[in-house]
N, C-alpha and C. Protein backbone atom coordinates (compact mmCIF):
# COMPACT_ATOMS: atom_id res chain seq x y z
N MET A 1 135.24 111.81 139.16
CA MET A 1 135.50 111.48 137.64
C MET A 1 134.67 112.48 137.00
N THR A 2 135.90 111.36 136.03
CA THR A 2 135.56 112.20 134.52
C THR A 2 134.27 112.17 133.82
N GLU A 3 132.60 112.45 132.78
CA GLU A 3 132.16 111.80 131.77
C GLU A 3 132.73 110.50 132.07
N LEU A 4 133.78 111.12 130.79
CA LEU A 4 134.53 108.98 130.14
C LEU A 4 135.30 108.37 130.93
N GLU A 5 135.57 109.01 131.60
CA GLU A 5 135.91 107.72 133.04
C GLU A 5 134.37 106.41 133.35
N VAL A 6 133.37 106.96 133.53
CA VAL A 6 132.49 106.43 134.50
C VAL A 6 131.70 106.36 132.84
N VAL A 7 132.18 106.13 131.10
CA VAL A 7 131.19 105.51 130.44
C VAL A 7 132.39 104.77 130.83
N ASP A 8 133.33 104.56 130.81
CA ASP A 8 134.79 103.60 130.91
C ASP A 8 134.61 102.17 132.02
N VAL A 9 134.07 102.71 132.96
CA VAL A 9 133.63 101.47 133.90
C VAL A 9 132.35 101.07 133.19
N TYR A 10 131.63 101.84 133.10
CA TYR A 10 130.07 100.95 133.27
C TYR A 10 130.30 99.30 131.59
N VAL A 11 131.29 100.71 130.04
CA VAL A 11 131.57 100.08 129.80
C VAL A 11 132.08 98.49 129.87
N ASN A 12 133.22 98.72 131.27
CA ASN A 12 134.11 97.64 131.27
C ASN A 12 133.19 96.50 132.60
N LEU A 13 132.60 96.98 132.67
CA LEU A 13 131.56 96.62 134.13
C LEU A 13 130.26 95.08 132.94
N SER A 14 129.73 96.55 131.74
CA SER A 14 129.10 95.30 131.47
C SER A 14 129.48 94.19 129.79
N LEU A 15 130.96 94.58 129.23
CA LEU A 15 131.96 93.87 129.50
C LEU A 15 131.94 92.37 129.85
N ASP A 16 132.34 92.55 131.89
CA ASP A 16 132.15 91.96 132.04
C ASP A 16 131.16 91.11 132.35
N MET A 17 129.96 91.86 132.41
CA MET A 17 129.15 90.71 132.68
C MET A 17 128.18 89.79 130.97
N ASN A 18 128.82 89.99 130.25
CA ASN A 18 129.00 90.16 129.01
C ASN A 18 129.81 88.67 129.30
N ILE A 19 130.94 88.48 129.53
CA ILE A 19 132.04 87.04 129.18
C ILE A 19 131.69 86.30 130.12
N GLY A 20 131.41 86.68 131.54
CA GLY A 20 129.60 85.92 132.53
C GLY A 20 129.50 85.06 132.07
N MET A 21 128.20 85.50 130.78
CA MET A 21 127.36 85.19 130.90
C MET A 21 127.79 84.15 129.45
N VAL A 22 128.66 84.15 128.20
CA VAL A 22 129.04 83.30 127.55
C VAL A 22 129.67 82.60 128.35
N HIS A 23 130.66 82.49 129.43
CA HIS A 23 131.16 80.88 129.79
C HIS A 23 129.98 80.32 129.79
N GLN A 24 128.96 80.38 130.83
CA GLN A 24 127.72 80.42 131.92
C GLN A 24 127.43 79.32 130.77
N ILE A 25 127.16 79.93 129.17
CA ILE A 25 125.78 78.77 128.45
C ILE A 25 127.20 77.94 128.35
N MET A 26 128.63 78.36 128.22
CA MET A 26 129.22 77.35 127.21
C MET A 26 129.68 76.29 127.89
N ASN A 27 129.28 76.59 129.64
CA ASN A 27 128.53 75.35 130.31
C ASN A 27 128.33 74.61 130.37
N TRP A 28 127.10 75.17 130.21
CA TRP A 28 126.33 74.27 130.21
C TRP A 28 125.86 73.48 129.08
N ASN A 29 126.48 74.27 127.52
CA ASN A 29 126.33 73.53 126.94
C ASN A 29 126.86 72.00 126.79
N SER A 30 128.55 72.62 127.34
CA SER A 30 129.20 71.46 127.48
C SER A 30 129.15 70.12 128.51
N GLU A 31 128.12 70.94 129.60
CA GLU A 31 127.42 69.26 130.29
C GLU A 31 126.63 68.22 129.43
N LEU A 32 125.64 69.49 128.28
CA LEU A 32 124.73 68.99 127.61
C LEU A 32 125.19 67.98 126.47
N TYR A 33 126.64 68.36 126.35
CA TYR A 33 126.99 67.46 125.20
C TYR A 33 127.30 66.07 125.15
N LEU A 34 127.71 65.83 127.38
CA LEU A 34 129.10 65.90 127.86
C LEU A 34 127.81 64.54 127.85
N SER A 35 126.60 65.08 128.26
CA SER A 35 125.30 63.83 129.44
C SER A 35 124.02 62.71 127.96
N THR A 36 124.53 63.87 126.81
CA THR A 36 124.04 63.65 125.33
C THR A 36 125.14 62.73 125.00
N GLN A 37 126.07 62.41 125.11
CA GLN A 37 127.33 61.72 124.66
C GLN A 37 126.73 60.26 125.41
N ARG A 38 127.37 60.60 127.25
CA ARG A 38 127.43 59.03 127.39
C ARG A 38 125.86 58.42 127.46
N PHE A 39 124.05 59.23 126.35
CA PHE A 39 123.70 58.33 126.41
C PHE A 39 124.12 57.43 125.57
N THR A 40 123.99 58.80 123.89
CA THR A 40 125.07 57.89 122.62
C THR A 40 125.57 56.30 123.53
N TRP A 41 126.40 56.35 124.06
CA TRP A 41 126.66 55.52 124.27
C TRP A 41 127.07 53.21 124.79
N LEU A 42 125.18 54.07 125.64
CA LEU A 42 125.09 52.47 126.78
C LEU A 42 124.05 52.04 125.47
């Protein structure tokens, strides 16, 4: 592999990790939001 290919793979991996983190945070936020909505309806 050339240096450019190594950099490319590294960038792709870090992007995948960042997207995964964003998804986790969004899921967590929506769960929190839904639970607070349930409490306001009671």
